[in-house]
PDB file of N, CA and C in Angstrom:
ATOM      1  N   UNK A   1       5.647   6.077  30.686  1.00  0.00           N
ATOM      2  CA  UNK A   1       5.584   7.400  30.074  1.00  0.00           C
ATOM      3  C   UNK A   1       6.821   7.698  29.216  1.00  0.00           C
ATOM      4  N   UNK A   2       7.862   6.863  29.321  1.00  0.00           N
ATOM      5  CA  UNK A   2       9.087   7.155  28.582  1.00  0.00           C
ATOM      6  C   UNK A   2       8.908   7.023  27.083  1.00  0.00           C
ATOM      7  N   UNK A   3       7.929   6.246  26.627  1.00  0.00           N
ATOM      8  CA  UNK A   3       7.706   6.050  25.197  1.00  0.00           C
ATOM      9  C   UNK A   3       6.441   6.765  24.732  1.00  0.00           C
ATOM     10  N   UNK A   4       5.985   7.742  25.484  1.00  0.00           N
ATOM     11  CA  UNK A   4       4.723   8.393  25.153  1.00  0.00           C
ATOM     12  C   UNK A   4       4.749   9.011  23.753  1.00  0.00           C
ATOM     13  N   UNK A   5       5.844   9.632  23.360  1.00  0.00           N
ATOM     14  CA  UNK A   5       5.914  10.254  22.030  1.00  0.00           C
ATOM     15  C   UNK A   5       5.778   9.207  20.935  1.00  0.00           C
ATOM     16  N   UNK A   6       6.367   8.033  21.149  1.00  0.00           N
ATOM     17  CA  UNK A   6       6.255   6.963  20.162  1.00  0.00           C
ATOM     18  C   UNK A   6       4.825   6.417  20.120  1.00  0.00           C
ATOM     19  N   UNK A   7       4.214   6.278  21.296  1.00  0.00           N
ATOM     20  CA  UNK A   7       2.827   5.810  21.361  1.00  0.00           C
ATOM     21  C   UNK A   7       1.891   6.754  20.614  1.00  0.00           C
ATOM     22  N   UNK A   8       2.034   8.034  20.854  1.00  0.00           N
ATOM     23  CA  UNK A   8       1.160   9.034  20.217  1.00  0.00           C
ATOM     24  C   UNK A   8       1.400   9.063  18.710  1.00  0.00           C
ATOM     25  N   UNK A   9       2.660   9.031  18.302  1.00  0.00           N
ATOM     26  CA  UNK A   9       2.984   9.036  16.873  1.00  0.00           C
ATOM     27  C   UNK A   9       2.419   7.800  16.181  1.00  0.00           C
ATOM     28  N   UNK A  10       2.611   6.640  16.787  1.00  0.00           N
ATOM     29  CA  UNK A  10       2.093   5.399  16.205  1.00  0.00           C
ATOM     30  C   UNK A  10       0.573   5.426  16.126  1.00  0.00           C
ATOM     31  N   UNK A  11      -0.054   5.964  17.154  1.00  0.00           N
ATOM     32  CA  UNK A  11      -1.511   6.044  17.151  1.00  0.00           C
ATOM     33  C   UNK A  11      -2.015   6.974  16.055  1.00  0.00           C
ATOM     34  N   UNK A  12      -1.393   8.127  15.892  1.00  0.00           N
ATOM     35  CA  UNK A  12      -1.808   9.069  14.846  1.00  0.00           C
ATOM     36  C   UNK A  12      -1.614   8.474  13.449  1.00  0.00           C
ATOM     37  N   UNK A  13      -0.490   7.829  13.229  1.00  0.00           N
ATOM     38  CA  UNK A  13      -0.241   7.221  11.921  1.00  0.00           C
ATOM     39  C   UNK A  13      -1.232   6.093  11.657  1.00  0.00           C
ATOM     40  N   UNK A  14      -1.549   5.321  12.676  1.00  0.00           N
ATOM     41  CA  UNK A  14      -2.531   4.243  12.514  1.00  0.00           C
ATOM     42  C   UNK A  14      -3.920   4.782  12.230  1.00  0.00           C
ATOM     43  N   UNK A  15      -4.280   5.886  12.859  1.00  0.00           N
ATOM     44  CA  UNK A  15      -5.580   6.507  12.587  1.00  0.00           C
ATOM     45  C   UNK A  15      -5.642   6.987  11.141  1.00  0.00           C
ATOM     46  N   UNK A  16      -4.557   7.561  10.650  1.00  0.00           N
ATOM     47  CA  UNK A  16      -4.509   7.982   9.251  1.00  0.00           C
ATOM     48  C   UNK A  16      -4.694   6.769   8.338  1.00  0.00           C
ATOM     49  N   UNK A  17      -4.046   5.648   8.687  1.00  0.00           N
ATOM     50  CA  UNK A  17      -4.219   4.424   7.921  1.00  0.00           C
ATOM     51  C   UNK A  17      -5.654   3.924   7.962  1.00  0.00           C
ATOM     52  N   UNK A  18      -6.288   4.047   9.126  1.00  0.00           N
ATOM     53  CA  UNK A  18      -7.696   3.625   9.253  1.00  0.00           C
ATOM     54  C   UNK A  18      -8.612   4.487   8.394  1.00  0.00           C
ATOM     55  N   UNK A  19      -8.339   5.772   8.362  1.00  0.00           N
ATOM     56  CA  UNK A  19      -9.136   6.669   7.518  1.00  0.00           C
ATOM     57  C   UNK A  19      -8.964   6.275   6.053  1.00  0.00           C
ATOM     58  N   UNK A  20      -7.737   5.973   5.661  1.00  0.00           N
ATOM     59  CA  UNK A  20      -7.490   5.552   4.284  1.00  0.00           C
ATOM     60  C   UNK A  20      -8.268   4.280   3.961  1.00  0.00           C
ATOM     61  N   UNK A  21      -8.237   3.290   4.857  1.00  0.00           N
ATOM     62  CA  UNK A  21      -8.987   2.052   4.623  1.00  0.00           C
ATOM     63  C   UNK A  21     -10.488   2.309   4.594  1.00  0.00           C
ATOM     64  N   UNK A  22     -10.958   3.230   5.414  1.00  0.00           N
ATOM     65  CA  UNK A  22     -12.372   3.592   5.376  1.00  0.00           C
ATOM     66  C   UNK A  22     -12.762   4.197   4.039  1.00  0.00           C
ATOM     67  N   UNK A  23     -11.905   5.064   3.513  1.00  0.00           N
ATOM     68  CA  UNK A  23     -12.167   5.660   2.200  1.00  0.00           C
ATOM     69  C   UNK A  23     -12.162   4.602   1.099  1.00  0.00           C
ATOM     70  N   UNK A  24     -11.242   3.641   1.216  1.00  0.00           N
ATOM     71  CA  UNK A  24     -11.196   2.567   0.224  1.00  0.00           C
ATOM     72  C   UNK A  24     -12.472   1.737   0.298  1.00  0.00           C
ATOM     73  N   UNK A  25     -12.878   1.387   1.508  1.00  0.00           N
ATOM     74  CA  UNK A  25     -14.065   0.556   1.679  1.00  0.00           C
ATOM     75  C   UNK A  25     -15.357   1.241   1.279  1.00  0.00           C
ATOM     76  N   UNK A  26     -15.488   2.512   1.609  1.00  0.00           N
ATOM     77  CA  UNK A  26     -16.731   3.231   1.328  1.00  0.00           C
ATOM     78  C   UNK A  26     -16.829   3.741  -0.107  1.00  0.00           C
ATOM     79  N   UNK A  27     -15.714   4.263  -0.608  1.00  0.00           N
ATOM     80  CA  UNK A  27     -15.767   4.960  -1.887  1.00  0.00           C
ATOM     81  C   UNK A  27     -14.817   4.406  -2.951  1.00  0.00           C
ATOM     82  N   UNK A  28     -14.005   3.419  -2.582  1.00  0.00           N
ATOM     83  CA  UNK A  28     -13.020   2.903  -3.533  1.00  0.00           C
ATOM     84  C   UNK A  28     -11.933   3.925  -3.837  1.00  0.00           C
ATOM     85  N   UNK A  29     -11.677   4.834  -2.911  1.00  0.00           N
ATOM     86  CA  UNK A  29     -10.714   5.907  -3.116  1.00  0.00           C
ATOM     87  C   UNK A  29      -9.528   5.706  -2.180  1.00  0.00           C
ATOM     88  N   UNK A  30      -8.342   5.488  -2.739  1.00  0.00           N
ATOM     89  CA  UNK A  30      -7.118   5.293  -1.966  1.00  0.00           C
ATOM     90  C   UNK A  30      -6.391   6.633  -1.874  1.00  0.00           C
ATOM     91  N   UNK A  31      -6.477   7.267  -0.712  1.00  0.00           N
ATOM     92  CA  UNK A  31      -5.892   8.595  -0.511  1.00  0.00           C
ATOM     93  C   UNK A  31      -4.372   8.562  -0.635  1.00  0.00           C
ATOM     94  N   UNK A  32      -3.746   7.520  -0.121  1.00  0.00           N
ATOM     95  CA  UNK A  32      -2.285   7.419  -0.200  1.00  0.00           C
ATOM     96  C   UNK A  32      -1.845   7.329  -1.664  1.00  0.00           C
ATOM     97  N   UNK A  33      -2.525   6.498  -2.442  1.00  0.00           N
ATOM     98  CA  UNK A  33      -2.186   6.376  -3.865  1.00  0.00           C
ATOM     99  C   UNK A  33      -2.462   7.680  -4.599  1.00  0.00           C
ATOM    100  N   UNK A  34      -3.509   8.385  -4.205  1.00  0.00           N
ATOM    101  CA  UNK A  34      -3.834   9.663  -4.833  1.00  0.00           C
ATOM    102  C   UNK A  34      -2.736  10.691  -4.573  1.00  0.00           C
ATOM    103  N   UNK A  35      -2.220  10.716  -3.351  1.00  0.00           N
ATOM    104  CA  UNK A  35      -1.211  11.725  -2.979  1.00  0.00           C
ATOM    105  C   UNK A  35       0.175  11.344  -3.506  1.00  0.00           C
ATOM    106  N   UNK A  36       0.557  10.062  -3.346  1.00  0.00           N
ATOM    107  CA  UNK A  36       1.933   9.661  -3.634  1.00  0.00           C
ATOM    108  C   UNK A  36       2.102   8.866  -4.915  1.00  0.00           C
ATOM    109  N   UNK A  37       1.020   8.501  -5.559  1.00  0.00           N
ATOM    110  CA  UNK A  37       1.114   7.695  -6.776  1.00  0.00           C
ATOM    111  C   UNK A  37       0.804   6.245  -6.471  1.00  0.00           C
ATOM    112  N   UNK A  38       0.228   5.569  -7.448  1.00  0.00           N
ATOM    113  CA  UNK A  38      -0.201   4.190  -7.260  1.00  0.00           C
ATOM    114  C   UNK A  38       1.007   3.270  -7.104  1.00  0.00           C
ATOM    115  N   UNK A  39       1.215   2.767  -5.914  1.00  0.00           N
ATOM    116  CA  UNK A  39       2.307   1.860  -5.546  1.00  0.00           C
ATOM    117  C   UNK A  39       3.683   2.417  -5.906  1.00  0.00           C
ATOM    118  N   UNK A  40       3.829   3.726  -5.794  1.00  0.00           N
ATOM    119  CA  UNK A  40       5.154   4.330  -5.946  1.00  0.00           C
ATOM    120  C   UNK A  40       5.983   3.948  -4.717  1.00  0.00           C
ATOM    121  N   UNK A  41       7.254   4.208  -4.775  1.00  0.00           N
ATOM    122  CA  UNK A  41       8.129   3.892  -3.647  1.00  0.00           C
ATOM    123  C   UNK A  41       7.655   4.609  -2.390  1.00  0.00           C
ATOM    124  N   UNK A  42       7.289   5.868  -2.521  1.00  0.00           N
ATOM    125  CA  UNK A  42       6.836   6.638  -1.361  1.00  0.00           C
ATOM    126  C   UNK A  42       5.523   6.080  -0.799  1.00  0.00           C
ATOM    127  N   UNK A  43       4.611   5.695  -1.664  1.00  0.00           N
ATOM    128  CA  UNK A  43       3.345   5.110  -1.208  1.00  0.00           C
ATOM    129  C   UNK A  43       3.609   3.792  -0.482  1.00  0.00           C
ATOM    130  N   UNK A  44       4.512   2.989  -0.990  1.00  0.00           N
ATOM    131  CA  UNK A  44       4.835   1.713  -0.342  1.00  0.00           C
ATOM    132  C   UNK A  44       5.456   1.946   1.022  1.00  0.00           C
ATOM    133  N   UNK A  45       6.288   2.975   1.130  1.00  0.00           N
ATOM    134  CA  UNK A  45       6.881   3.322   2.435  1.00  0.00           C
ATOM    135  C   UNK A  45       5.786   3.714   3.416  1.00  0.00           C
ATOM    136  N   UNK A  46       4.822   4.514   2.958  1.00  0.00           N
ATOM    137  CA  UNK A  46       3.710   4.914   3.818  1.00  0.00           C
ATOM    138  C   UNK A  46       2.946   3.688   4.298  1.00  0.00           C
ATOM    139  N   UNK A  47       2.643   2.762   3.405  1.00  0.00           N
ATOM    140  CA  UNK A  47       1.925   1.544   3.787  1.00  0.00           C
ATOM    141  C   UNK A  47       2.712   0.727   4.813  1.00  0.00           C
ATOM    142  N   UNK A  48       4.025   0.618   4.617  1.00  0.00           N
ATOM    143  CA  UNK A  48       4.862  -0.135   5.559  1.00  0.00           C
ATOM    144  C   UNK A  48       4.887   0.545   6.923  1.00  0.00           C
ATOM    145  N   UNK A  49       5.029   1.860   6.940  1.00  0.00           N
ATOM    146  CA  UNK A  49       5.055   2.590   8.218  1.00  0.00           C
ATOM    147  C   UNK A  49       3.729   2.433   8.952  1.00  0.00           C
ATOM    148  N   UNK A  50       2.622   2.535   8.251  1.00  0.00           N
ATOM    149  CA  UNK A  50       1.306   2.350   8.879  1.00  0.00           C
ATOM    150  C   UNK A  50       1.193   0.933   9.447  1.00  0.00           C
ATOM    151  N   UNK A  51       1.643  -0.049   8.690  1.00  0.00           N
ATOM    152  CA  UNK A  51       1.603  -1.432   9.165  1.00  0.00           C
ATOM    153  C   UNK A  51       2.466  -1.645  10.396  1.00  0.00           C
ATOM    154  N   UNK A  52       3.660  -1.086  10.401  1.00  0.00           N
ATOM    155  CA  UNK A  52       4.538  -1.209  11.559  1.00  0.00           C
ATOM    156  C   UNK A  52       3.951  -0.527  12.788  1.00  0.00           C
ATOM    157  N   UNK A  53       3.320   0.622  12.577  1.00  0.00           N
ATOM    158  CA  UNK A  53       2.683   1.320  13.696  1.00  0.00           C
ATOM    159  C   UNK A  53       1.543   0.484  14.262  1.00  0.00           C
ATOM    160  N   UNK A  54       0.784  -0.152  13.384  1.00  0.00           N
ATOM    161  CA  UNK A  54      -0.294  -1.029  13.851  1.00  0.00           C
ATOM    162  C   UNK A  54       0.248  -2.183  14.670  1.00  0.00           C
ATOM    163  N   UNK A  55       1.338  -2.780  14.223  1.00  0.00           N
ATOM    164  CA  UNK A  55       1.952  -3.866  14.986  1.00  0.00           C
ATOM    165  C   UNK A  55       2.486  -3.368  16.323  1.00  0.00           C
ATOM    166  N   UNK A  56       3.084  -2.195  16.320  1.00  0.00           N
ATOM    167  CA  UNK A  56       3.585  -1.620  17.573  1.00  0.00           C
ATOM    168  C   UNK A  56       2.444  -1.396  18.565  1.00  0.00           C
ATOM    169  N   UNK A  57       1.301  -0.969  18.050  1.00  0.00           N
ATOM    170  CA  UNK A  57       0.174  -0.700  18.933  1.00  0.00           C
ATOM    171  C   UNK A  57      -0.366  -1.961  19.597  1.00  0.00           C
ATOM    172  N   UNK A  58      -0.011  -3.127  19.090  1.00  0.00           N
ATOM    173  CA  UNK A  58      -0.387  -4.363  19.772  1.00  0.00           C
ATOM    174  C   UNK A  58       0.216  -4.432  21.171  1.00  0.00           C
ATOM    175  N   UNK A  59       1.321  -3.720  21.391  1.00  0.00           N
ATOM    176  CA  UNK A  59       1.910  -3.690  22.731  1.00  0.00           C
ATOM    177  C   UNK A  59       0.982  -2.999  23.727  1.00  0.00           C
ATOM    178  N   UNK A  60       0.044  -2.192  23.230  1.00  0.00           N
ATOM    179  CA  UNK A  60      -0.936  -1.571  24.128  1.00  0.00           C
ATOM    180  C   UNK A  60      -1.730  -2.628  24.870  1.00  0.00           C
ATOM    181  N   UNK A  61      -2.034  -3.730  24.204  1.00  0.00           N
ATOM    182  CA  UNK A  61      -2.814  -4.788  24.841  1.00  0.00           C
ATOM    183  C   UNK A  61      -2.109  -5.309  26.085  1.00  0.00           C
ATOM    184  N   UNK A  62      -0.818  -5.576  25.952  1.00  0.00           N
ATOM    185  CA  UNK A  62      -0.047  -6.047  27.103  1.00  0.00           C
ATOM    186  C   UNK A  62       0.011  -5.016  28.205  1.00  0.00           C
ATOM    187  N   UNK A  63       0.180  -3.760  27.838  1.00  0.00           N
ATOM    188  CA  UNK A  63       0.256  -2.709  28.845  1.00  0.00           C
ATOM    189  C   UNK A  63      -1.076  -2.486  29.525  1.00  0.00           C
ATOM    190  N   UNK A  64      -2.166  -2.557  28.756  1.00  0.00           N
ATOM    191  CA  UNK A  64      -3.489  -2.368  29.337  1.00  0.00           C
ATOM    192  C   UNK A  64      -3.805  -3.508  30.303  1.00  0.00           C
ATOM    193  N   UNK A  65      -3.522  -4.734  29.896  1.00  0.00           N
ATOM    194  CA  UNK A  65      -3.762  -5.885  30.771  1.00  0.00           C
ATOM    195  C   UNK A  65      -2.915  -5.796  32.048  1.00  0.00           C
ATOM    196  N   UNK A  66      -1.676  -5.392  31.902  1.00  0.00           N
ATOM    197  CA  UNK A  66      -0.782  -5.270  33.051  1.00  0.00           C
ATOM    198  C   UNK A  66      -1.261  -4.174  33.997  1.00  0.00           C
ATOM    199  N   UNK A  67      -1.736  -3.043  33.445  1.00  0.00           N
ATOM    200  CA  UNK A  67      -2.195  -1.929  34.276  1.00  0.00           C
ATOM    201  C   UNK A  67      -3.483  -2.267  35.013  1.00  0.00           C
ATOM    202  N   UNK A  68      -4.343  -3.091  34.426  1.00  0.00           N
ATOM    203  CA  UNK A  68      -5.604  -3.431  35.094  1.00  0.00           C
ATOM    204  C   UNK A  68      -5.405  -4.443  36.209  1.00  0.00           C
ATOM    205  N   UNK A  69      -4.282  -5.174  36.196  1.00  0.00           N
ATOM    206  CA  UNK A  69      -3.989  -6.138  37.252  1.00  0.00           C
ATOM    207  C   UNK A  69      -3.471  -5.467  38.506  1.00  0.00           C
ATOM    208  N   UNK A  70      -2.936  -4.260  38.387  1.00  0.00           N
ATOM    209  CA  UNK A  70      -2.369  -3.556  39.545  1.00  0.00           C
ATOM    210  C   UNK A  70      -3.413  -3.039  40.487  1.00  0.00           C
TER     211      UNK A  70
END
């Protein structure tokens, strides 16, 4: 529970990234590029943060497996 705020933040940011990818796949509309500019510095930062959050969420797999063994 000590990292709960980080878990929730990473999950929310990843969900936002998933919504963006869904919009790209369904409609060809990149919400991040629309808001921050096409590959602007800020848009690239958003993409990197979403990617890092996704990688962080991989730790959920280890925690879930560990919790089910108890």
